[in-house]
Structures are given as C-alpha cells and as structure tokens.
C-alpha cells in the first residue's frame, strides 16, 4: 500500500473540510486533509465564531435547523475534548421598535420548531437582566434563543485541527496545493495521493479543478467587513450574542413574517446606507476579551481587495443604537470572502466525477452548519432528499 493511500481525502483545511474529516474519522475511515496554505486563513477564521441555529429556523422546513442544532452539539464535544474557550449563553434579538417586536412575535407563531427548542419572547426588564450591555432606552423586549454557541474561530480551527491529528490520527498536510483529480488519484504540489472517496471543500480548489461545474453552480462571492475592539476589562463577559432589527431583514427565517415589509420600509428610511450595503450587526466575544462587531454583505463573482471606512462607521453607528461596551475602540479591521449560492440554497453539493463530491456554498453559515451537514453526508451520501442542495 502506498504511504499516501487513504479511505477519505479532504481538499480544504477550513471548517467545512475539517468537519468532513471529523465525520469520516469517527466512522473509522483513514483520513487525510490537504490545505494549500500553511494554515487556515480564509473565511473559517474571519468570522464571529457564532454557531447560530436560530438563523436557520423556519416554519415549514426543519432539516437545516436540525443540522445546525446537531452542529452545536458536535462543537460542544470539540469544546469538551480540547478545552478551548467558549461562551454558551445563547442569543438575543433586540427590539427597540414596535415593528421589530411584531416580526419577532410572528416568527414565534410561525416557527414551532424554534419554540420547542426554547426560543421565546422576553420583556425589557428580563432582557436587561440577561445582558448588562443592552441599551435600555426604548427597549421593548427580545427574542431569546438558548441554542447559540460562541467560540473564537482563531482558536477553534487550530484546536479542531490538532484534535483530528492527535485523537483520530487524521493526516493534515499544509502547503499541499491540489493541481488535479483523476479519481482515485489526487495530484498535488507535494506528490500524489490515492483515495476511495474525495471531498472538495474549498472554494478556490473547486473553481480551479472543475471550472465548468463552478460556472454552472451559480456561486458568487460574498465580501464582508468586520472589526474587533480592544480587549475589554478583566472579568468582562458579553453574555448572549446580540443583534437587532437589521438582522431580521438579513436571515430568511424571518422572510415570511407579515410585518417584515413595514420594518424594511422603516429601516430603509432610517438607515439607507446599511440596507444598500447589506449591513446587519451581530456582536460576539472572543477568547482574548475582544468583541467582534460586523458585518456587511456585498455579492459579486470577483471582489475588490479594499476595505471602506464608511462601511465600518455605519456598522458602529448602528451598534451604538442598541448596545454599549466599556471599551468600544477598534483594534482590528478585516474583510472576509466566502462562496454563496445565488438561488438561496443552504449548501451546494455536486458530484463532478464518480468518487468525488464537492461540498461548498455554506454562505455565512459555515461554522453553524458544517459539522452537522458533514455528518449527514458521510452517513447518507447526499442531501438530495432535502430539496435544498443542488447536485
């Protein structure tokens, strides 16, 4: 047997690739992961670190919500096995306007799966007891969800990588650029590999290896801008992850709420730049005591490399309207780019040749969905029966 023979080979060392490696290794397969860079530097480490099931809760289709909840369970196992930093305090969607409160009430009425998992509406006083950092002026209440888990992606991705190496004997090769696939052979800059099953979980490699399939996939790139504050004072805890009205316009789980058009009209009048720039504001904590604040969304096949001060300023102005911090000074600015399906699909699943599966297009839900979806794919081989993935 060749030294580079494995049962399952994963192309891409970000969260989607590591998730498939974890699922395959748990099933007893011999697994290797190939990553073109010297470490993961893409969207998997440029995000909030929020495992965010609430964003996938819908009234009629529960598969991806269930996969997100399963991902949360799997991340908690990783937290337990690695000892990495985390905050398990759920989330609050804040309502400072009657239009926002109406959407939250309708969401609960239309989403029994969320209610069954502890999502509820709480009043202003209870909201302030749940979070010391919410602005109380005009506060009407909040949608509380207990499921959301906050990790630090800059810690979590390396920790998961080491867990795969040490506990599951997964071979992880950095600096290995995949140059071609002719199943069962994978050609790389570090030599050839052989595998029964090959999963391509990196957008860059997908586009280069299967350009025609990529072109047909409808994937475009979403560029986002984010920030981190200075470390907060010792002992500071954000508590639940926070968001507000703009988030109700961003996530499709709120799309069918009858009051949403009225809220959109109101927020478009008051925050036109935010609506034009795809801005909604999430707030999460990092292991360093810093607070992550963002983000914007711009969709295009090819993104420019520039960051824009006016976008960051609009994010912070909106943040200041619903929350506060002891130290709001910004220490870091960055942008991330991730593939996103243009037709609203949650995941792109393609099989460009026998034995090769492309798993891509998680959009902004990579941290939330990858572990749960990978487990399902490794067990069932497809998402076809769910009607969301395009093959």
Protein backbone atom coordinates (compact mmCIF):
# COMPACT_ATOMS: atom_id res chain seq x y z
CA UNK A 1 0.00 0.00 0.00
CA UNK A 2 1.29 3.42 -0.95
CA UNK A 3 2.08 5.70 2.00
CA UNK A 4 -0.35 8.26 0.62
CA UNK A 5 -3.28 5.83 0.36
CA UNK A 6 -6.33 6.73 2.48
CA UNK A 7 -10.02 5.92 2.52
CA UNK A 8 -11.21 9.54 2.52
CA UNK A 9 -9.28 12.56 1.28
CA UNK A 10 -10.46 16.08 2.00
CA UNK A 11 -9.38 19.07 -0.09
CA UNK A 12 -9.51 22.18 2.10
CA UNK A 13 -8.44 22.74 5.69
CA UNK A 14 -11.16 25.22 6.66
CA UNK A 15 -14.19 24.38 8.76
CA UNK A 16 -16.05 22.51 6.02
CA UNK A 17 -13.06 20.29 5.28
CA UNK A 18 -12.29 19.65 8.94
CA UNK A 19 -15.96 18.82 9.55
CA UNK A 20 -15.89 16.11 6.87
CA UNK A 21 -12.61 14.81 8.24
CA UNK A 22 -14.14 14.56 11.71
CA UNK A 23 -17.22 12.70 10.46
CA UNK A 24 -15.15 10.28 8.38
CA UNK A 25 -12.64 9.64 11.16
CA UNK A 26 -15.44 8.94 13.65
CA UNK A 27 -16.78 6.36 11.17
CA UNK A 28 -13.42 4.58 11.27
CA UNK A 29 -12.01 5.72 7.93
CA UNK A 30 -8.36 6.53 7.28
CA UNK A 31 -8.49 10.25 6.52
CA UNK A 32 -6.20 12.96 5.16
CA UNK A 33 -6.77 16.69 4.72
CA UNK A 34 -4.87 18.74 2.14
CA UNK A 35 -4.66 22.51 2.60
CA UNK A 36 -2.95 24.78 0.08
CA UNK A 37 -1.84 27.39 2.65
CA UNK A 38 0.43 26.96 5.67
CA UNK A 39 -2.60 27.35 7.94
CA UNK A 40 -6.29 28.14 7.57
CA UNK A 41 -6.57 31.86 6.74
CA UNK A 42 -9.88 32.12 4.91
CA UNK A 43 -13.47 32.69 5.97
CA UNK A 44 -13.22 29.99 8.65
CA UNK A 45 -11.09 32.28 10.82
CA UNK A 46 -12.58 35.61 9.67
CA UNK A 47 -15.99 35.33 11.30
CA UNK A 48 -17.85 35.90 14.57
CA UNK A 49 -17.31 32.42 15.94
CA UNK A 50 -21.06 32.13 16.34
CA UNK A 51 -22.79 28.80 15.94
CA UNK A 52 -26.15 30.33 15.02
CA UNK A 53 -29.02 27.82 14.65
CA UNK A 54 -31.68 30.49 15.14
CA UNK A 55 -30.86 31.91 11.70
CA UNK A 56 -31.93 28.61 10.11
CA UNK A 57 -35.19 28.09 11.98
CA UNK A 58 -38.13 28.15 9.58
CA UNK A 59 -41.75 27.26 9.94
CA UNK A 60 -42.04 24.65 7.20
CA UNK A 61 -38.62 23.05 6.69
CA UNK A 62 -36.61 21.93 9.70
CA UNK A 63 -33.76 19.91 8.17
CA UNK A 64 -31.10 22.62 8.25
CA UNK A 65 -32.25 23.90 11.63
CA UNK A 66 -31.86 20.37 12.96
CA UNK A 67 -28.44 20.08 11.33
CA UNK A 68 -27.45 23.40 12.90
CA UNK A 69 -28.59 22.20 16.33
CA UNK A 70 -26.62 19.00 15.76
CA UNK A 71 -23.58 21.09 14.79
CA UNK A 72 -23.91 22.88 18.11
CA UNK A 73 -23.84 19.54 19.93
CA UNK A 74 -20.76 18.49 17.98
CA UNK A 75 -19.00 21.80 18.68
CA UNK A 76 -19.73 21.31 22.38
CA UNK A 77 -18.00 17.92 22.11
CA UNK A 78 -15.00 19.64 20.50
CA UNK A 79 -15.00 22.22 23.29
CA UNK A 80 -15.04 19.45 25.88
CA UNK A 81 -12.30 17.46 24.14
CA UNK A 82 -9.97 20.42 23.54
CA UNK A 83 -10.73 22.70 26.48
CA UNK A 84 -10.86 25.69 24.13
CA UNK A 85 -12.54 28.95 25.12
CA UNK A 86 -16.29 29.25 24.54
CA UNK A 87 -19.38 31.05 25.79
CA UNK A 88 -22.61 29.06 25.94
CA UNK A 89 -25.08 31.90 26.62
CA UNK A 90 -27.37 31.83 23.59
CA UNK A 91 -28.51 34.96 21.76
CA UNK A 92 -30.83 37.95 21.96
CA UNK A 93 -32.58 39.60 19.02
CA UNK A 94 -33.35 43.02 20.48
CA UNK A 95 -36.49 45.03 19.73
CA UNK A 96 -36.40 48.78 20.30
CA UNK A 97 -39.28 49.48 17.89
CA UNK A 98 -42.81 48.13 17.69
CA UNK A 99 -42.18 46.99 14.10
CA UNK A 100 -39.30 44.81 15.29
CA UNK A 101 -41.34 43.34 18.11
CA UNK A 102 -44.15 42.48 15.70
CA UNK A 103 -41.76 40.48 13.49
CA UNK A 104 -40.42 38.57 16.49
CA UNK A 105 -43.94 37.72 17.66
CA UNK A 106 -44.89 36.48 14.21
CA UNK A 107 -41.70 34.45 13.95
CA UNK A 108 -42.61 32.56 17.11
CA UNK A 109 -46.15 31.93 15.87
CA UNK A 110 -44.80 30.52 12.61
CA UNK A 111 -41.85 28.50 13.90
CA UNK A 112 -42.91 25.73 16.29
CA UNK A 113 -39.53 24.01 15.99
CA UNK A 114 -37.84 27.07 17.49
CA UNK A 115 -40.36 27.23 20.33
CA UNK A 116 -39.78 23.53 21.00
CA UNK A 117 -36.07 24.31 21.39
CA UNK A 118 -36.60 27.02 23.99
CA UNK A 119 -36.87 30.14 21.83
CA UNK A 120 -39.16 32.67 23.50
CA UNK A 121 -40.02 36.34 23.70
CA UNK A 122 -38.94 38.15 26.86
CA UNK A 123 -39.76 41.62 28.13
CA UNK A 124 -37.47 44.61 28.51
CA UNK A 125 -36.61 44.06 32.17
CA UNK A 126 -35.74 40.40 31.67
CA UNK A 127 -33.67 41.35 28.62
CA UNK A 128 -31.63 43.77 30.71
CA UNK A 129 -31.15 41.08 33.35
CA UNK A 130 -29.84 38.74 30.66
CA UNK A 131 -27.37 41.31 29.33
CA UNK A 132 -25.63 44.21 31.06
CA UNK A 133 -24.69 45.76 27.71
CA UNK A 134 -28.05 46.29 26.04
CA UNK A 135 -29.27 49.88 25.85
CA UNK A 136 -32.48 50.17 27.85
CA UNK A 137 -33.82 53.39 26.30
CA UNK A 138 -36.89 52.44 24.28
CA UNK A 139 -36.27 48.71 24.72
CA UNK A 140 -39.45 46.66 24.24
CA UNK A 141 -38.06 43.15 24.63
CA UNK A 142 -36.06 40.49 22.84
CA UNK A 143 -36.25 37.10 21.19
CA UNK A 144 -34.18 34.82 23.41
CA UNK A 145 -32.67 31.63 21.98
CA UNK A 146 -30.60 29.32 24.20
CA UNK A 147 -29.00 27.29 21.41
CA UNK A 148 -26.34 29.66 20.09
CA UNK A 149 -22.74 28.90 21.00
CA UNK A 150 -19.90 31.44 20.83
CA UNK A 151 -16.39 30.17 20.08
CA UNK A 152 -13.31 32.01 18.83
CA UNK A 153 -12.60 30.90 15.24
CA UNK A 154 -8.92 31.82 15.53
CA UNK A 155 -8.70 29.33 18.39
CA UNK A 156 -11.33 26.81 17.31
CA UNK A 157 -9.99 25.95 13.85
CA UNK A 158 -6.43 25.19 15.09
CA UNK A 159 -7.88 23.31 18.08
CA UNK A 160 -10.08 21.15 15.85
CA UNK A 161 -7.10 20.53 13.56
CA UNK A 162 -5.00 19.26 16.46
CA UNK A 163 -7.86 17.16 17.79
CA UNK A 164 -8.14 15.44 14.42
CA UNK A 165 -4.42 14.76 14.37
CA UNK A 166 -4.00 13.57 17.93
CA UNK A 167 -7.21 11.69 18.69
CA UNK A 168 -8.26 10.46 15.26
CA UNK A 169 -4.87 10.08 13.51
CA UNK A 170 -6.01 12.27 10.61
CA UNK A 171 -3.15 13.29 8.35
CA UNK A 172 -3.27 17.03 7.75
CA UNK A 173 -0.87 18.35 5.13
CA UNK A 174 -0.41 22.10 4.88
CA UNK A 175 1.20 23.68 1.84
CA UNK A 176 -0.23 20.94 -0.40
CA UNK A 177 -1.85 22.56 -3.44
CA UNK A 178 -4.15 20.21 -5.33
CA UNK A 179 -3.45 20.57 -9.05
CA UNK A 180 -5.73 17.88 -10.47
CA UNK A 181 -8.06 14.99 -9.66
CA UNK A 182 -8.36 11.80 -11.67
CA UNK A 183 -10.16 9.53 -9.24
CA UNK A 184 -8.79 7.74 -7.28
CA UNK A 185 -5.63 9.82 -7.77
CA UNK A 186 -5.25 13.35 -6.42
CA UNK A 187 -2.28 15.27 -7.82
CA UNK A 188 -0.71 17.85 -5.50
CA UNK A 189 2.36 20.03 -5.26
CA UNK A 190 3.56 17.61 -2.56
CA UNK A 191 3.02 14.40 -4.55
CA UNK A 192 0.14 12.13 -5.50
CA UNK A 193 -2.49 10.71 -3.15
CA UNK A 194 -4.95 7.86 -3.60
CA UNK A 195 -8.39 7.75 -2.00
CA UNK A 196 -11.65 5.86 -2.41
CA UNK A 197 -13.71 8.96 -1.61
CA UNK A 198 -12.64 12.54 -2.27
CA UNK A 199 -14.38 15.62 -0.87
CA UNK A 200 -13.56 19.05 -2.29
CA UNK A 201 -14.46 21.54 0.46
CA UNK A 202 -12.52 24.60 -0.66
CA UNK A 203 -13.95 27.23 -2.95
CA UNK A 204 -10.58 28.05 -4.52
CA UNK A 205 -9.85 24.45 -5.46
CA UNK A 206 -13.41 23.84 -6.65
CA UNK A 207 -13.19 26.72 -9.10
CA UNK A 208 -9.75 25.68 -10.35
CA UNK A 209 -10.35 21.92 -10.54
CA UNK A 210 -13.86 21.96 -12.02
CA UNK A 211 -14.31 25.36 -13.68
CA UNK A 212 -17.30 24.31 -15.79
CA UNK A 213 -19.14 22.88 -12.79
CA UNK A 214 -18.29 26.00 -10.81
CA UNK A 215 -19.64 28.22 -13.59
CA UNK A 216 -22.89 26.23 -13.64
CA UNK A 217 -23.21 26.25 -9.85
CA UNK A 218 -24.37 29.86 -9.58
CA UNK A 219 -21.91 30.50 -6.76
CA UNK A 220 -20.84 34.09 -6.24
CA UNK A 221 -18.55 35.53 -3.60
CA UNK A 222 -19.79 37.48 -0.61
CA UNK A 223 -17.42 40.06 0.82
CA UNK A 224 -17.92 41.19 4.41
CA UNK A 225 -16.23 43.73 6.67
CA UNK A 226 -15.72 43.10 10.38
CA UNK A 227 -13.95 44.55 13.41
CA UNK A 228 -12.67 43.65 16.86
CA UNK A 229 -12.41 46.03 19.77
CA UNK A 230 -9.57 46.36 22.20
CA UNK A 231 -9.71 43.71 24.94
CA UNK A 232 -12.42 44.55 27.43
CA UNK A 233 -11.59 44.92 31.15
CA UNK A 234 -10.70 41.78 33.10
CA UNK A 235 -13.77 39.84 34.07
CA UNK A 236 -15.93 41.33 31.30
CA UNK A 237 -18.50 38.94 29.81
CA UNK A 238 -20.72 39.91 26.92
CA UNK A 239 -23.22 37.20 27.82
CA UNK A 240 -25.63 36.36 24.99
CA UNK A 241 -24.62 37.27 21.47
CA UNK A 242 -26.53 40.39 20.44
CA UNK A 243 -28.28 41.63 17.32
CA UNK A 244 -31.18 43.93 16.44
CA UNK A 245 -33.66 44.91 13.76
CA UNK A 246 -31.39 44.85 10.71
CA UNK A 247 -30.72 41.17 11.41
CA UNK A 248 -34.42 40.46 10.90
CA UNK A 249 -34.02 41.66 7.31
CA UNK A 250 -30.94 39.52 6.73
CA UNK A 251 -31.92 35.99 7.71
CA UNK A 252 -34.51 34.20 5.56
CA UNK A 253 -36.11 32.65 8.65
CA UNK A 254 -37.95 35.97 9.12
CA UNK A 255 -38.86 36.43 5.46
CA UNK A 256 -42.45 35.18 5.71
CA UNK A 257 -43.40 37.35 8.69
CA UNK A 258 -46.26 39.64 7.58
CA UNK A 259 -44.81 42.65 9.44
CA UNK A 260 -41.40 42.41 7.77
CA UNK A 261 -42.20 44.78 4.84
CA UNK A 262 -43.21 47.53 7.29
CA UNK A 263 -39.96 47.02 9.19
CA UNK A 264 -37.97 47.10 5.95
CA UNK A 265 -39.60 50.37 4.97
CA UNK A 266 -38.84 51.91 8.36
CA UNK A 267 -35.20 50.79 8.43
CA UNK A 268 -34.65 51.80 4.81
CA UNK A 269 -35.79 55.32 5.72
CA UNK A 270 -33.62 55.48 8.85
CA UNK A 271 -30.57 53.50 7.70
CA UNK A 272 -30.45 53.66 3.89
CA UNK A 273 -26.69 53.11 3.73
CA UNK A 274 -26.98 49.93 5.82
CA UNK A 275 -29.69 48.50 3.60
CA UNK A 276 -27.74 49.35 0.44
CA UNK A 277 -24.59 47.72 1.83
CA UNK A 278 -26.20 44.58 3.17
CA UNK A 279 -25.28 45.59 6.71
CA UNK A 280 -26.71 43.91 9.75
CA UNK A 281 -24.94 43.89 13.09
CA UNK A 282 -24.01 40.88 15.22
CA UNK A 283 -21.93 41.15 18.38
CA UNK A 284 -19.87 38.29 19.85
CA UNK A 285 -16.96 37.82 22.25
CA UNK A 286 -13.51 36.37 21.55
CA UNK A 287 -11.15 34.41 23.76
CA UNK A 288 -8.94 37.50 24.05
CA UNK A 289 -11.71 39.54 25.69
CA UNK A 290 -12.18 41.46 22.45
CA UNK A 291 -15.63 41.98 20.97
CA UNK A 292 -16.31 41.20 17.30
CA UNK A 293 -18.73 43.57 15.57
CA UNK A 294 -19.97 43.32 11.97
CA UNK A 295 -20.82 42.90 9.19
CA UNK A 296 -21.60 43.96 5.63
CA UNK A 297 -22.50 41.81 2.61
CA UNK A 298 -21.56 42.54 -0.99
CA UNK A 299 -22.17 39.85 -3.62
CA UNK A 300 -20.10 39.62 -6.78
CA UNK A 301 -18.17 36.94 -8.63
CA UNK A 302 -14.90 38.87 -8.29
CA UNK A 303 -14.41 41.10 -5.24
CA UNK A 304 -12.10 44.06 -4.92
CA UNK A 305 -9.44 43.90 -2.16
CA UNK A 306 -10.32 47.19 -0.48
CA UNK A 307 -11.98 47.99 2.83
CA UNK A 308 -14.18 51.05 3.19
CA UNK A 309 -14.23 53.26 6.27
CA UNK A 310 -17.81 54.34 5.69
CA UNK A 311 -18.99 50.73 5.99
CA UNK A 312 -17.25 50.28 9.34
CA UNK A 313 -18.61 53.61 10.53
CA UNK A 314 -22.17 52.63 9.61
CA UNK A 315 -21.79 49.30 11.44
CA UNK A 316 -20.57 51.05 14.58
CA UNK A 317 -23.24 53.75 14.41
CA UNK A 318 -25.95 51.09 14.29
CA UNK A 319 -24.27 49.10 17.09
CA UNK A 320 -24.24 52.20 19.30
CA UNK A 321 -28.01 52.40 18.95
CA UNK A 322 -28.68 49.11 20.72
CA UNK A 323 -25.62 48.21 22.82
CA UNK A 324 -22.61 49.66 24.60
CA UNK A 325 -19.20 48.47 25.78
CA UNK A 326 -16.67 49.56 28.41
CA UNK A 327 -14.11 49.86 25.59
CA UNK A 328 -15.52 50.48 22.14
CA UNK A 329 -12.23 51.48 20.50
CA UNK A 330 -11.49 49.29 17.48
CA UNK A 331 -8.19 47.40 17.37
CA UNK A 332 -8.64 45.33 14.18
CA UNK A 333 -10.39 45.71 10.83
CA UNK A 334 -10.56 42.99 8.19
CA UNK A 335 -12.63 41.58 5.37
CA UNK A 336 -13.59 38.02 4.53
CA UNK A 337 -14.83 36.40 1.33
CA UNK A 338 -16.89 33.24 1.10
CA UNK A 339 -18.80 31.43 -1.67
CA UNK A 340 -22.56 31.82 -1.54
CA UNK A 341 -25.25 30.23 -3.76
CA UNK A 342 -27.23 32.83 -5.72
CA UNK A 343 -30.51 30.87 -5.57
CA UNK A 344 -30.91 30.77 -1.80
CA UNK A 345 -29.72 27.18 -1.36
CA UNK A 346 -28.16 26.40 2.02
CA UNK A 347 -25.44 24.12 0.62
CA UNK A 348 -24.03 23.34 -2.82
CA UNK A 349 -23.46 19.62 -3.31
CA UNK A 350 -22.03 18.45 -6.64
CA UNK A 351 -20.52 15.21 -7.95
CA UNK A 352 -18.36 16.20 -10.93
CA UNK A 353 -16.99 12.65 -11.36
CA UNK A 354 -17.51 9.28 -9.66
CA UNK A 355 -15.93 9.18 -6.21
CA UNK A 356 -15.61 12.98 -5.97
CA UNK A 357 -18.05 15.15 -4.03
CA UNK A 358 -17.91 18.94 -3.87
CA UNK A 359 -19.41 20.44 -0.71
CA UNK A 360 -19.45 24.20 -0.84
CA UNK A 361 -21.60 27.30 -0.69
CA UNK A 362 -22.50 27.37 3.00
CA UNK A 363 -22.67 31.15 2.67
CA UNK A 364 -22.40 32.77 6.08
CA UNK A 365 -23.44 29.54 7.85
CA UNK A 366 -20.20 27.57 7.52
CA UNK A 367 -19.40 27.49 11.23
CA UNK A 368 -23.05 26.79 12.02
CA UNK A 369 -23.77 24.01 9.52
CA UNK A 370 -20.52 22.28 8.57
CA UNK A 371 -20.24 19.73 11.37
CA UNK A 372 -23.89 18.70 11.21
CA UNK A 373 -24.11 18.60 7.42
CA UNK A 374 -20.83 16.69 7.07
CA UNK A 375 -22.07 14.04 9.49
CA UNK A 376 -25.23 13.64 7.39
CA UNK A 377 -23.34 13.46 4.09
CA UNK A 378 -20.88 10.86 5.38
CA UNK A 379 -23.76 8.76 6.69
CA UNK A 380 -26.22 9.12 3.80
CA UNK A 381 -24.01 10.20 0.90
CA UNK A 382 -26.30 13.02 -0.21
CA UNK A 383 -28.63 15.85 0.73
CA UNK A 384 -30.79 15.13 -2.32
CA UNK A 385 -33.85 14.14 -0.32
CA UNK A 386 -33.90 17.51 1.43
CA UNK A 387 -34.64 19.50 -1.71
CA UNK A 388 -32.21 22.31 -0.85
CA UNK A 389 -28.86 21.21 -2.25
CA UNK A 390 -28.28 21.36 -5.98
CA UNK A 391 -26.39 18.42 -7.46
